[in-house]
Amino acid sequence: MIQPLLSRLAQAAARTLARTWRLEVIGADRVNELRGCGIPVVFTVWHANMLPPLWHRRGEGIALLVSDHADAGHLARAALRWGYRVVRGSTTRGAVRGLRAVVRILMAGGDVAFTPDGPRGPARRAKPGALGAAWLAGAAVVPIGVAASSEWQLRSWDRFTIPRPFSRVRLVYGNPIRQKGSRRSSGVDADVLANRLDVTQREAECL
């Protein structure tokens, strides 16, 4: 009884906080162009920076891959309340089930979102699941960079960041990654994605 109540209070607090942010969005036309061409999108962001993109894309029915870990249940409930579809699984637990579901959603024309260093790190070390799913479904991977003029940083494995009230928050949608030809190795997949995420993150940090 206490835990669900605390979860609902935390969600309400997050909504109230997010409404105060002054969002600056760069590169949204890249997403719009892909959608206009009927190309499904795989959104990717480092785990520490997920909160502002979750707020920005709320209500779009994007499928969010959420870990099977028990402590990820709060994220799953919050995502549902913000208008996301939730797929349970990760690159560590429930990986095959989760990735199969993601591929099905992409092939049906839906969009999905990954934190490629989640659910428990190492921080900013990408796993290949996002690019693998995109390759199988003919989707495009869009990296997202996030920065705020003022923020809190939690003492978590990823140093999770929360923009402070009324801060300026910049979201950068980077150049899409589209794989063509033969399948790359998983190691190269992960390196390509990590590099593109870091480049986009540096763009966002030029506040």
N, C-alpha and C. Protein backbone atom coordinates (compact mmCIF):
# COMPACT_ATOMS: atom_id res chain seq x y z
N MET A 1 0.84 -1.21 0.00
CA MET A 1 0.00 0.00 0.00
C MET A 1 0.87 1.26 0.00
N ILE A 2 1.92 1.28 0.84
CA ILE A 2 2.79 2.45 0.94
C ILE A 2 3.59 2.65 -0.34
N GLN A 3 4.14 1.54 -0.90
CA GLN A 3 5.01 1.66 -2.07
C GLN A 3 4.27 2.23 -3.28
N PRO A 4 3.08 1.72 -3.65
CA PRO A 4 2.36 2.33 -4.78
C PRO A 4 2.04 3.81 -4.55
N LEU A 5 1.72 4.17 -3.31
CA LEU A 5 1.42 5.57 -3.02
C LEU A 5 2.65 6.44 -3.25
N LEU A 6 3.81 5.98 -2.75
CA LEU A 6 5.04 6.73 -2.96
C LEU A 6 5.37 6.85 -4.44
N SER A 7 5.10 5.77 -5.20
CA SER A 7 5.36 5.80 -6.63
C SER A 7 4.49 6.84 -7.32
N ARG A 8 3.21 6.92 -6.95
CA ARG A 8 2.31 7.90 -7.56
C ARG A 8 2.73 9.32 -7.19
N LEU A 9 3.17 9.52 -5.95
CA LEU A 9 3.63 10.84 -5.53
C LEU A 9 4.88 11.26 -6.30
N ALA A 10 5.78 10.31 -6.52
CA ALA A 10 7.00 10.61 -7.28
C ALA A 10 6.66 10.97 -8.72
N GLN A 11 5.70 10.28 -9.32
CA GLN A 11 5.29 10.59 -10.69
C GLN A 11 4.67 11.98 -10.77
N ALA A 12 3.84 12.31 -9.79
CA ALA A 12 3.22 13.64 -9.77
C ALA A 12 4.29 14.72 -9.62
N ALA A 13 5.28 14.47 -8.77
CA ALA A 13 6.36 15.43 -8.58
C ALA A 13 7.17 15.61 -9.86
N ALA A 14 7.41 14.50 -10.56
CA ALA A 14 8.17 14.58 -11.82
C ALA A 14 7.41 15.38 -12.86
N ARG A 15 6.10 15.19 -12.94
CA ARG A 15 5.29 15.97 -13.90
C ARG A 15 5.32 17.46 -13.55
N THR A 16 5.17 17.77 -12.28
CA THR A 16 5.19 19.17 -11.86
C THR A 16 6.53 19.81 -12.17
N LEU A 17 7.62 19.09 -11.89
CA LEU A 17 8.96 19.59 -12.18
C LEU A 17 9.16 19.81 -13.67
N ALA A 18 8.79 18.81 -14.47
CA ALA A 18 9.03 18.88 -15.92
C ALA A 18 8.29 20.04 -16.58
N ARG A 19 7.14 20.38 -16.05
CA ARG A 19 6.37 21.49 -16.63
C ARG A 19 7.08 22.84 -16.46
N THR A 20 8.05 22.91 -15.55
CA THR A 20 8.78 24.17 -15.34
C THR A 20 9.98 24.30 -16.27
N TRP A 21 10.41 23.21 -16.89
CA TRP A 21 11.61 23.26 -17.73
C TRP A 21 11.38 24.11 -18.97
N ARG A 22 12.42 24.79 -19.40
CA ARG A 22 12.39 25.55 -20.66
C ARG A 22 13.13 24.70 -21.70
N LEU A 23 12.35 23.95 -22.47
CA LEU A 23 12.93 23.00 -23.42
C LEU A 23 13.40 23.70 -24.69
N GLU A 24 14.60 23.36 -25.11
CA GLU A 24 15.13 23.76 -26.41
C GLU A 24 15.40 22.47 -27.18
N VAL A 25 14.69 22.27 -28.27
CA VAL A 25 14.77 21.01 -29.01
C VAL A 25 15.47 21.26 -30.34
N ILE A 26 16.52 20.50 -30.60
CA ILE A 26 17.29 20.61 -31.83
C ILE A 26 17.26 19.27 -32.56
N GLY A 27 17.00 19.32 -33.86
CA GLY A 27 17.05 18.11 -34.67
C GLY A 27 15.76 17.32 -34.71
N ALA A 28 14.66 17.87 -34.21
CA ALA A 28 13.38 17.14 -34.25
C ALA A 28 12.94 16.88 -35.69
N ASP A 29 13.41 17.72 -36.64
CA ASP A 29 13.06 17.51 -38.03
C ASP A 29 13.61 16.19 -38.57
N ARG A 30 14.70 15.71 -37.97
CA ARG A 30 15.25 14.41 -38.38
C ARG A 30 14.28 13.28 -38.07
N VAL A 31 13.66 13.37 -36.91
CA VAL A 31 12.66 12.37 -36.53
C VAL A 31 11.43 12.49 -37.43
N ASN A 32 10.98 13.72 -37.65
CA ASN A 32 9.79 13.93 -38.48
C ASN A 32 10.00 13.42 -39.90
N GLU A 33 11.21 13.62 -40.43
CA GLU A 33 11.50 13.16 -41.79
C GLU A 33 11.45 11.64 -41.88
N LEU A 34 12.03 10.95 -40.89
CA LEU A 34 11.98 9.49 -40.88
C LEU A 34 10.54 8.99 -40.81
N ARG A 35 9.76 9.59 -39.92
CA ARG A 35 8.37 9.17 -39.78
C ARG A 35 7.58 9.47 -41.06
N GLY A 36 7.88 10.60 -41.70
CA GLY A 36 7.20 10.94 -42.94
C GLY A 36 7.49 9.95 -44.05
N CYS A 37 8.66 9.30 -43.99
CA CYS A 37 9.03 8.29 -44.98
C CYS A 37 8.59 6.88 -44.57
N GLY A 38 7.90 6.79 -43.45
CA GLY A 38 7.43 5.49 -42.99
C GLY A 38 8.52 4.62 -42.39
N ILE A 39 9.61 5.23 -41.94
CA ILE A 39 10.72 4.48 -41.35
C ILE A 39 10.57 4.50 -39.83
N PRO A 40 10.43 3.35 -39.20
CA PRO A 40 10.31 3.33 -37.73
C PRO A 40 11.59 3.82 -37.06
N VAL A 41 11.43 4.36 -35.87
CA VAL A 41 12.54 5.00 -35.16
C VAL A 41 12.86 4.26 -33.88
N VAL A 42 14.15 4.06 -33.65
CA VAL A 42 14.65 3.55 -32.37
C VAL A 42 15.35 4.71 -31.67
N PHE A 43 14.71 5.28 -30.66
CA PHE A 43 15.31 6.37 -29.88
C PHE A 43 16.30 5.77 -28.88
N THR A 44 17.48 6.38 -28.77
CA THR A 44 18.47 5.91 -27.80
C THR A 44 19.00 7.08 -27.01
N VAL A 45 19.21 6.89 -25.72
CA VAL A 45 19.75 7.92 -24.84
C VAL A 45 20.48 7.21 -23.70
N TRP A 46 21.56 7.82 -23.22
CA TRP A 46 22.23 7.23 -22.06
C TRP A 46 21.28 7.23 -20.86
N HIS A 47 21.37 6.19 -20.06
CA HIS A 47 20.45 5.97 -18.95
C HIS A 47 20.36 7.18 -18.02
N ALA A 48 21.49 7.83 -17.78
CA ALA A 48 21.51 8.96 -16.85
C ALA A 48 20.67 10.14 -17.33
N ASN A 49 20.42 10.21 -18.64
CA ASN A 49 19.78 11.39 -19.22
C ASN A 49 18.35 11.13 -19.70
N MET A 50 17.74 10.05 -19.27
CA MET A 50 16.48 9.64 -19.88
C MET A 50 15.27 10.51 -19.54
N LEU A 51 15.30 11.22 -18.41
CA LEU A 51 14.08 11.87 -17.93
C LEU A 51 13.53 12.94 -18.89
N PRO A 52 14.34 13.91 -19.36
CA PRO A 52 13.78 14.91 -20.28
C PRO A 52 13.24 14.33 -21.59
N PRO A 53 13.93 13.37 -22.25
CA PRO A 53 13.33 12.79 -23.45
C PRO A 53 12.02 12.05 -23.18
N LEU A 54 11.95 11.38 -22.03
CA LEU A 54 10.69 10.72 -21.68
C LEU A 54 9.55 11.74 -21.59
N TRP A 55 9.84 12.89 -21.01
CA TRP A 55 8.82 13.93 -20.91
C TRP A 55 8.47 14.50 -22.28
N HIS A 56 9.49 14.77 -23.09
CA HIS A 56 9.27 15.40 -24.38
C HIS A 56 8.44 14.52 -25.32
N ARG A 57 8.63 13.21 -25.27
CA ARG A 57 7.96 12.29 -26.20
C ARG A 57 6.75 11.61 -25.57
N ARG A 58 6.29 12.11 -24.45
CA ARG A 58 5.14 11.48 -23.79
C ARG A 58 3.91 11.53 -24.69
N GLY A 59 3.04 10.54 -24.53
CA GLY A 59 1.78 10.52 -25.25
C GLY A 59 1.87 10.11 -26.70
N GLU A 60 3.05 9.65 -27.17
CA GLU A 60 3.20 9.26 -28.57
C GLU A 60 3.06 7.76 -28.78
N GLY A 61 2.86 7.01 -27.71
CA GLY A 61 2.71 5.56 -27.86
C GLY A 61 4.00 4.83 -28.18
N ILE A 62 5.14 5.46 -27.91
CA ILE A 62 6.43 4.81 -28.14
C ILE A 62 6.58 3.64 -27.18
N ALA A 63 7.15 2.55 -27.66
CA ALA A 63 7.38 1.38 -26.81
C ALA A 63 8.71 1.54 -26.09
N LEU A 64 8.70 1.38 -24.79
CA LEU A 64 9.89 1.55 -23.97
C LEU A 64 10.33 0.18 -23.44
N LEU A 65 11.58 -0.18 -23.71
CA LEU A 65 12.12 -1.43 -23.19
C LEU A 65 12.56 -1.21 -21.75
N VAL A 66 11.89 -1.89 -20.82
CA VAL A 66 12.15 -1.71 -19.40
C VAL A 66 12.63 -3.03 -18.82
N SER A 67 13.65 -2.98 -18.00
CA SER A 67 14.25 -4.18 -17.42
C SER A 67 13.23 -5.02 -16.65
N ASP A 68 13.51 -6.32 -16.57
CA ASP A 68 12.72 -7.22 -15.75
C ASP A 68 13.05 -7.10 -14.27
N HIS A 69 14.08 -6.34 -13.92
CA HIS A 69 14.44 -6.18 -12.51
C HIS A 69 13.25 -5.59 -11.74
N ALA A 70 13.09 -6.04 -10.52
CA ALA A 70 11.95 -5.61 -9.72
C ALA A 70 11.93 -4.10 -9.52
N ASP A 71 13.11 -3.49 -9.36
CA ASP A 71 13.14 -2.05 -9.08
C ASP A 71 12.84 -1.21 -10.32
N ALA A 72 12.69 -1.85 -11.48
CA ALA A 72 12.31 -1.12 -12.69
C ALA A 72 10.79 -1.00 -12.82
N GLY A 73 10.06 -1.62 -11.89
CA GLY A 73 8.61 -1.54 -11.94
C GLY A 73 8.08 -0.12 -11.83
N HIS A 74 8.79 0.72 -11.05
CA HIS A 74 8.36 2.12 -10.91
C HIS A 74 8.46 2.85 -12.24
N LEU A 75 9.55 2.59 -12.97
CA LEU A 75 9.72 3.21 -14.29
C LEU A 75 8.62 2.73 -15.24
N ALA A 76 8.31 1.45 -15.20
CA ALA A 76 7.28 0.92 -16.08
C ALA A 76 5.93 1.58 -15.81
N ARG A 77 5.58 1.73 -14.55
CA ARG A 77 4.29 2.37 -14.21
C ARG A 77 4.27 3.84 -14.62
N ALA A 78 5.39 4.52 -14.40
CA ALA A 78 5.45 5.93 -14.79
C ALA A 78 5.36 6.07 -16.30
N ALA A 79 6.02 5.18 -17.03
CA ALA A 79 5.99 5.25 -18.50
C ALA A 79 4.58 5.04 -19.03
N LEU A 80 3.85 4.11 -18.44
CA LEU A 80 2.47 3.88 -18.86
C LEU A 80 1.62 5.12 -18.63
N ARG A 81 1.83 5.78 -17.50
CA ARG A 81 1.06 6.98 -17.20
C ARG A 81 1.40 8.13 -18.15
N TRP A 82 2.61 8.11 -18.69
CA TRP A 82 3.03 9.16 -19.63
C TRP A 82 2.75 8.79 -21.08
N GLY A 83 1.99 7.73 -21.27
CA GLY A 83 1.55 7.39 -22.62
C GLY A 83 2.50 6.52 -23.42
N TYR A 84 3.37 5.78 -22.75
CA TYR A 84 4.27 4.85 -23.43
C TYR A 84 3.69 3.44 -23.39
N ARG A 85 4.13 2.62 -24.32
CA ARG A 85 3.90 1.18 -24.24
C ARG A 85 5.14 0.58 -23.58
N VAL A 86 4.96 -0.40 -22.76
CA VAL A 86 6.08 -0.98 -22.01
C VAL A 86 6.34 -2.41 -22.47
N VAL A 87 7.59 -2.68 -22.79
CA VAL A 87 8.05 -4.03 -23.11
C VAL A 87 9.05 -4.42 -22.03
N ARG A 88 8.79 -5.51 -21.32
CA ARG A 88 9.68 -5.93 -20.24
C ARG A 88 10.79 -6.83 -20.79
N GLY A 89 12.00 -6.56 -20.37
CA GLY A 89 13.16 -7.32 -20.82
C GLY A 89 14.34 -6.39 -20.91
N SER A 90 15.53 -6.94 -21.11
CA SER A 90 16.73 -6.13 -21.22
C SER A 90 17.80 -6.95 -21.91
N THR A 91 19.00 -6.40 -21.93
CA THR A 91 20.11 -7.16 -22.50
C THR A 91 20.68 -8.16 -21.51
N THR A 92 20.16 -8.18 -20.29
CA THR A 92 20.67 -9.11 -19.29
C THR A 92 19.61 -10.12 -18.87
N ARG A 93 18.40 -9.66 -18.55
CA ARG A 93 17.33 -10.56 -18.14
C ARG A 93 16.17 -10.40 -19.11
N GLY A 94 15.65 -11.52 -19.61
CA GLY A 94 14.53 -11.44 -20.55
C GLY A 94 14.93 -10.84 -21.88
N ALA A 95 16.23 -10.96 -22.24
CA ALA A 95 16.74 -10.26 -23.42
C ALA A 95 16.07 -10.74 -24.70
N VAL A 96 16.02 -12.04 -24.91
CA VAL A 96 15.46 -12.56 -26.16
C VAL A 96 14.00 -12.19 -26.29
N ARG A 97 13.24 -12.38 -25.21
CA ARG A 97 11.81 -12.04 -25.25
C ARG A 97 11.60 -10.55 -25.53
N GLY A 98 12.37 -9.72 -24.83
CA GLY A 98 12.22 -8.28 -25.00
C GLY A 98 12.58 -7.81 -26.39
N LEU A 99 13.69 -8.30 -26.93
CA LEU A 99 14.12 -7.86 -28.25
C LEU A 99 13.19 -8.37 -29.34
N ARG A 100 12.66 -9.56 -29.19
CA ARG A 100 11.69 -10.06 -30.17
C ARG A 100 10.46 -9.17 -30.20
N ALA A 101 10.00 -8.78 -29.03
CA ALA A 101 8.82 -7.91 -28.97
C ALA A 101 9.11 -6.56 -29.60
N VAL A 102 10.31 -6.02 -29.36
CA VAL A 102 10.71 -4.74 -29.95
C VAL A 102 10.74 -4.83 -31.47
N VAL A 103 11.31 -5.91 -31.99
CA VAL A 103 11.38 -6.08 -33.45
C VAL A 103 9.98 -6.16 -34.05
N ARG A 104 9.08 -6.86 -33.38
CA ARG A 104 7.70 -6.95 -33.89
C ARG A 104 7.05 -5.58 -33.94
N ILE A 105 7.27 -4.77 -32.91
CA ILE A 105 6.68 -3.42 -32.88
C ILE A 105 7.25 -2.57 -34.02
N LEU A 106 8.56 -2.64 -34.23
CA LEU A 106 9.18 -1.87 -35.30
C LEU A 106 8.67 -2.31 -36.67
N MET A 107 8.56 -3.60 -36.88
CA MET A 107 8.11 -4.10 -38.18
C MET A 107 6.65 -3.75 -38.45
N ALA A 108 5.90 -3.49 -37.39
CA ALA A 108 4.51 -3.04 -37.55
C ALA A 108 4.42 -1.52 -37.71
N GLY A 109 5.57 -0.84 -37.73
CA GLY A 109 5.58 0.60 -37.95
C GLY A 109 5.65 1.44 -36.69
N GLY A 110 5.79 0.80 -35.52
CA GLY A 110 5.87 1.55 -34.28
C GLY A 110 7.29 2.01 -33.98
N ASP A 111 7.42 2.92 -33.04
CA ASP A 111 8.72 3.41 -32.58
C ASP A 111 9.03 2.83 -31.20
N VAL A 112 10.32 2.70 -30.89
CA VAL A 112 10.73 2.16 -29.60
C VAL A 112 11.84 3.03 -29.03
N ALA A 113 12.13 2.85 -27.74
CA ALA A 113 13.19 3.61 -27.07
C ALA A 113 14.04 2.68 -26.22
N PHE A 114 15.35 2.91 -26.25
CA PHE A 114 16.32 2.12 -25.50
C PHE A 114 17.21 3.05 -24.66
N THR A 115 17.68 2.55 -23.52
CA THR A 115 18.85 3.12 -22.85
C THR A 115 19.94 2.06 -22.99
N PRO A 116 20.82 2.19 -23.98
CA PRO A 116 21.73 1.08 -24.33
C PRO A 116 22.78 0.74 -23.28
N ASP A 117 22.94 1.58 -22.25
CA ASP A 117 23.84 1.21 -21.16
C ASP A 117 23.08 0.70 -19.94
N GLY A 118 21.76 0.59 -20.04
CA GLY A 118 20.95 0.10 -18.94
C GLY A 118 20.86 -1.42 -18.96
N PRO A 119 20.25 -2.03 -17.91
CA PRO A 119 19.67 -1.33 -16.77
C PRO A 119 20.66 -1.00 -15.65
N ARG A 120 21.86 -1.59 -15.68
CA ARG A 120 22.77 -1.38 -14.55
C ARG A 120 24.22 -1.14 -14.99
N GLY A 121 24.40 -0.71 -16.22
CA GLY A 121 25.72 -0.29 -16.66
C GLY A 121 26.57 -1.38 -17.27
N PRO A 122 27.84 -1.08 -17.45
CA PRO A 122 28.56 0.14 -17.06
C PRO A 122 28.01 1.39 -17.76
N ALA A 123 28.11 2.53 -17.09
CA ALA A 123 27.58 3.76 -17.65
C ALA A 123 28.30 4.13 -18.94
N ARG A 124 27.50 4.56 -19.92
CA ARG A 124 28.00 5.01 -21.23
C ARG A 124 28.81 3.94 -21.95
N ARG A 125 28.47 2.69 -21.69
CA ARG A 125 29.02 1.57 -22.45
C ARG A 125 27.85 0.90 -23.14
N ALA A 126 27.73 1.11 -24.43
CA ALA A 126 26.55 0.65 -25.16
C ALA A 126 26.57 -0.86 -25.38
N LYS A 127 25.40 -1.44 -25.29
CA LYS A 127 25.18 -2.83 -25.68
C LYS A 127 24.54 -2.81 -27.08
N PRO A 128 24.65 -3.89 -27.84
CA PRO A 128 24.28 -3.84 -29.27
C PRO A 128 22.79 -4.05 -29.56
N GLY A 129 21.95 -4.21 -28.53
CA GLY A 129 20.56 -4.57 -28.77
C GLY A 129 19.80 -3.60 -29.65
N ALA A 130 20.01 -2.29 -29.45
CA ALA A 130 19.25 -1.29 -30.20
C ALA A 130 19.55 -1.36 -31.69
N LEU A 131 20.84 -1.42 -32.05
CA LEU A 131 21.20 -1.50 -33.46
C LEU A 131 20.81 -2.83 -34.06
N GLY A 132 20.89 -3.89 -33.26
CA GLY A 132 20.47 -5.20 -33.77
C GLY A 132 19.00 -5.24 -34.10
N ALA A 133 18.17 -4.70 -33.21
CA ALA A 133 16.73 -4.65 -33.48
C ALA A 133 16.42 -3.78 -34.69
N ALA A 134 17.12 -2.65 -34.80
CA ALA A 134 16.89 -1.75 -35.93
C ALA A 134 17.27 -2.42 -37.24
N TRP A 135 18.38 -3.14 -37.24
CA TRP A 135 18.82 -3.82 -38.46
C TRP A 135 17.80 -4.87 -38.89
N LEU A 136 17.30 -5.63 -37.95
CA LEU A 136 16.32 -6.68 -38.28
C LEU A 136 15.02 -6.11 -38.82
N ALA A 137 14.65 -4.91 -38.36
CA ALA A 137 13.34 -4.35 -38.71
C ALA A 137 13.43 -3.25 -39.77
N GLY A 138 14.63 -2.92 -40.23
CA GLY A 138 14.76 -1.84 -41.20
C GLY A 138 14.47 -0.47 -40.61
N ALA A 139 14.77 -0.30 -39.33
CA ALA A 139 14.49 0.96 -38.63
C ALA A 139 15.75 1.83 -38.58
N ALA A 140 15.57 3.08 -38.17
CA ALA A 140 16.68 4.01 -37.98
C ALA A 140 16.88 4.27 -36.50
N VAL A 141 18.13 4.31 -36.08
CA VAL A 141 18.46 4.60 -34.68
C VAL A 141 18.77 6.09 -34.55
N VAL A 142 18.06 6.77 -33.66
CA VAL A 142 18.27 8.21 -33.44
C VAL A 142 18.87 8.41 -32.05
N PRO A 143 20.13 8.89 -31.99
CA PRO A 143 20.74 9.18 -30.68
C PRO A 143 20.22 10.50 -30.13
N ILE A 144 20.10 10.58 -28.81
CA ILE A 144 19.61 11.79 -28.16
C ILE A 144 20.64 12.26 -27.14
N GLY A 145 20.98 13.54 -27.21
CA GLY A 145 21.82 14.17 -26.21
C GLY A 145 20.99 15.10 -25.34
N VAL A 146 21.34 15.18 -24.06
CA VAL A 146 20.55 15.97 -23.10
C VAL A 146 21.49 16.76 -22.20
N ALA A 147 21.18 18.02 -21.98
CA ALA A 147 21.94 18.83 -21.03
C ALA A 147 21.01 19.86 -20.41
N ALA A 148 21.33 20.27 -19.20
CA ALA A 148 20.52 21.27 -18.50
C ALA A 148 21.43 22.36 -17.93
N SER A 149 20.89 23.55 -17.83
CA SER A 149 21.67 24.66 -17.28
C SER A 149 21.92 24.49 -15.79
N SER A 150 21.06 23.73 -15.12
CA SER A 150 21.24 23.44 -13.70
C SER A 150 20.58 22.10 -13.41
N GLU A 151 21.23 21.24 -12.67
CA GLU A 151 20.68 19.90 -12.46
C GLU A 151 21.17 19.29 -11.15
N TRP A 152 20.40 18.31 -10.68
CA TRP A 152 20.84 17.45 -9.59
C TRP A 152 21.47 16.20 -10.20
N GLN A 153 22.44 15.64 -9.50
CA GLN A 153 23.05 14.38 -9.94
C GLN A 153 22.99 13.39 -8.79
N LEU A 154 22.34 12.27 -9.04
CA LEU A 154 22.16 11.27 -8.00
C LEU A 154 23.41 10.43 -7.82
N ARG A 155 23.53 9.79 -6.67
CA ARG A 155 24.67 8.91 -6.40
C ARG A 155 24.34 7.48 -6.83
N SER A 156 23.95 7.34 -8.06
CA SER A 156 23.62 6.03 -8.62
C SER A 156 24.74 5.57 -9.54
N TRP A 157 24.65 4.36 -10.05
CA TRP A 157 25.72 3.82 -10.88
C TRP A 157 25.97 4.66 -12.13
N ASP A 158 24.92 5.34 -12.63
CA ASP A 158 25.05 6.13 -13.84
C ASP A 158 25.14 7.63 -13.58
N ARG A 159 25.10 8.04 -12.30
CA ARG A 159 25.06 9.47 -11.93
C ARG A 159 23.84 10.12 -12.58
N PHE A 160 22.68 9.52 -12.35
CA PHE A 160 21.41 9.95 -12.96
C PHE A 160 21.18 11.44 -12.72
N THR A 161 20.80 12.16 -13.77
CA THR A 161 20.63 13.60 -13.68
C THR A 161 19.17 14.01 -13.75
N ILE A 162 18.82 15.02 -12.97
CA ILE A 162 17.47 15.58 -12.94
C ILE A 162 17.59 17.10 -13.08
N PRO A 163 17.10 17.68 -14.16
CA PRO A 163 17.16 19.14 -14.29
C PRO A 163 16.39 19.82 -13.16
N ARG A 164 16.95 20.89 -12.64
CA ARG A 164 16.31 21.63 -11.55
C ARG A 164 15.12 22.44 -12.08
N PRO A 165 14.24 22.88 -11.19
CA PRO A 165 13.08 23.67 -11.63
C PRO A 165 13.51 24.91 -12.41
N PHE A 166 12.79 25.17 -13.49
CA PHE A 166 12.96 26.36 -14.33
C PHE A 166 14.31 26.41 -15.05
N SER A 167 15.02 25.29 -15.08
CA SER A 167 16.28 25.27 -15.81
C SER A 167 16.02 25.17 -17.31
N ARG A 168 17.02 25.57 -18.10
CA ARG A 168 16.95 25.42 -19.55
C ARG A 168 17.46 24.03 -19.90
N VAL A 169 16.67 23.28 -20.63
CA VAL A 169 17.01 21.90 -20.97
C VAL A 169 17.11 21.78 -22.48
N ARG A 170 18.26 21.34 -22.94
CA ARG A 170 18.45 21.18 -24.38
C ARG A 170 18.39 19.70 -24.74
N LEU A 171 17.56 19.36 -25.72
CA LEU A 171 17.48 18.02 -26.29
C LEU A 171 17.99 18.10 -27.72
N VAL A 172 18.94 17.25 -28.04
CA VAL A 172 19.46 17.19 -29.40
C VAL A 172 19.18 15.81 -29.98
N TYR A 173 18.45 15.78 -31.09
CA TYR A 173 18.25 14.53 -31.83
C TYR A 173 19.33 14.47 -32.90
N GLY A 174 20.25 13.52 -32.75
CA GLY A 174 21.42 13.45 -33.61
C GLY A 174 21.14 12.80 -34.95
N ASN A 175 22.20 12.70 -35.75
CA ASN A 175 22.08 12.07 -37.07
C ASN A 175 21.69 10.61 -36.93
N PRO A 176 20.66 10.18 -37.66
CA PRO A 176 20.22 8.78 -37.55
C PRO A 176 21.28 7.80 -38.03
N ILE A 177 21.26 6.63 -37.46
CA ILE A 177 22.12 5.53 -37.89
C ILE A 177 21.24 4.53 -38.64
N ARG A 178 21.60 4.27 -39.89
CA ARG A 178 20.89 3.26 -40.67
C ARG A 178 21.90 2.27 -41.20
N GLN A 179 21.72 1.02 -40.88
CA GLN A 179 22.66 -0.02 -41.31
C GLN A 179 22.22 -0.58 -42.65
N LYS A 180 23.19 -0.70 -43.55
CA LYS A 180 22.92 -1.24 -44.87
C LYS A 180 23.90 -2.37 -45.15
N GLY A 181 23.49 -3.26 -46.05
CA GLY A 181 24.37 -4.35 -46.42
C GLY A 181 24.39 -5.44 -45.38
N SER A 182 25.52 -6.12 -45.26
CA SER A 182 25.62 -7.26 -44.36
C SER A 182 25.63 -6.81 -42.91
N ARG A 183 25.24 -7.73 -42.06
CA ARG A 183 25.15 -7.48 -40.62
C ARG A 183 26.53 -7.24 -40.03
N ARG A 184 26.71 -6.16 -39.27
CA ARG A 184 27.97 -5.91 -38.59
C ARG A 184 28.09 -6.80 -37.36
N SER A 185 29.30 -6.91 -36.85
CA SER A 185 29.48 -7.65 -35.60
C SER A 185 28.91 -6.85 -34.45
N SER A 186 28.54 -7.55 -33.39
CA SER A 186 27.90 -6.87 -32.26
C SER A 186 28.85 -5.87 -31.61
N GLY A 187 30.16 -6.17 -31.59
CA GLY A 187 31.10 -5.25 -30.99
C GLY A 187 31.17 -3.93 -31.74
N VAL A 188 31.19 -4.01 -33.08
CA VAL A 188 31.21 -2.79 -33.88
C VAL A 188 29.90 -2.03 -33.71
N ASP A 189 28.79 -2.76 -33.67
CA ASP A 189 27.49 -2.12 -33.43
C ASP A 189 27.54 -1.25 -32.17
N ALA A 190 28.03 -1.82 -31.10
CA ALA A 190 28.05 -1.12 -29.82
C ALA A 190 28.96 0.11 -29.89
N ASP A 191 30.11 -0.02 -30.56
CA ASP A 191 31.04 1.11 -30.67
C ASP A 191 30.45 2.24 -31.50
N VAL A 192 29.79 1.90 -32.59
CA VAL A 192 29.16 2.91 -33.45
C VAL A 192 28.11 3.68 -32.67
N LEU A 193 27.28 2.97 -31.95
CA LEU A 193 26.21 3.61 -31.19
C LEU A 193 26.77 4.48 -30.06
N ALA A 194 27.74 3.96 -29.32
CA ALA A 194 28.33 4.73 -28.22
C ALA A 194 28.96 6.01 -28.73
N ASN A 195 29.68 5.92 -29.85
CA ASN A 195 30.31 7.11 -30.42
C ASN A 195 29.28 8.15 -30.83
N ARG A 196 28.20 7.71 -31.49
CA ARG A 196 27.18 8.65 -31.95
C ARG A 196 26.45 9.29 -30.76
N LEU A 197 26.21 8.52 -29.72
CA LEU A 197 25.58 9.08 -28.53
C LEU A 197 26.48 10.11 -27.85
N ASP A 198 27.77 9.83 -27.79
CA ASP A 198 28.70 10.77 -27.16
C ASP A 198 28.80 12.06 -27.97
N VAL A 199 28.83 11.95 -29.29
CA VAL A 199 28.88 13.14 -30.15
C VAL A 199 27.63 14.00 -29.93
N THR A 200 26.47 13.36 -29.90
CA THR A 200 25.22 14.09 -29.72
C THR A 200 25.14 14.70 -28.33
N GLN A 201 25.66 13.98 -27.33
CA GLN A 201 25.68 14.52 -25.97
C GLN A 201 26.55 15.77 -25.89
N ARG A 202 27.71 15.76 -26.57
CA ARG A 202 28.57 16.95 -26.55
C ARG A 202 27.87 18.14 -27.21
N GLU A 203 27.11 17.87 -28.27
CA GLU A 203 26.34 18.96 -28.90
C GLU A 203 25.34 19.56 -27.91
N ALA A 204 24.69 18.71 -27.15
CA ALA A 204 23.70 19.20 -26.18
C ALA A 204 24.36 20.03 -25.08
N GLU A 205 25.57 19.65 -24.70
CA GLU A 205 26.25 20.32 -23.60
C GLU A 205 26.80 21.68 -23.97
N CYS A 206 26.72 22.05 -25.23
CA CYS A 206 27.17 23.40 -25.66
C CYS A 206 26.05 24.41 -25.40
N LEU A 207 25.61 24.49 -24.16
CA LEU A 207 24.50 25.39 -23.79
C LEU A 207 24.96 26.84 -23.83
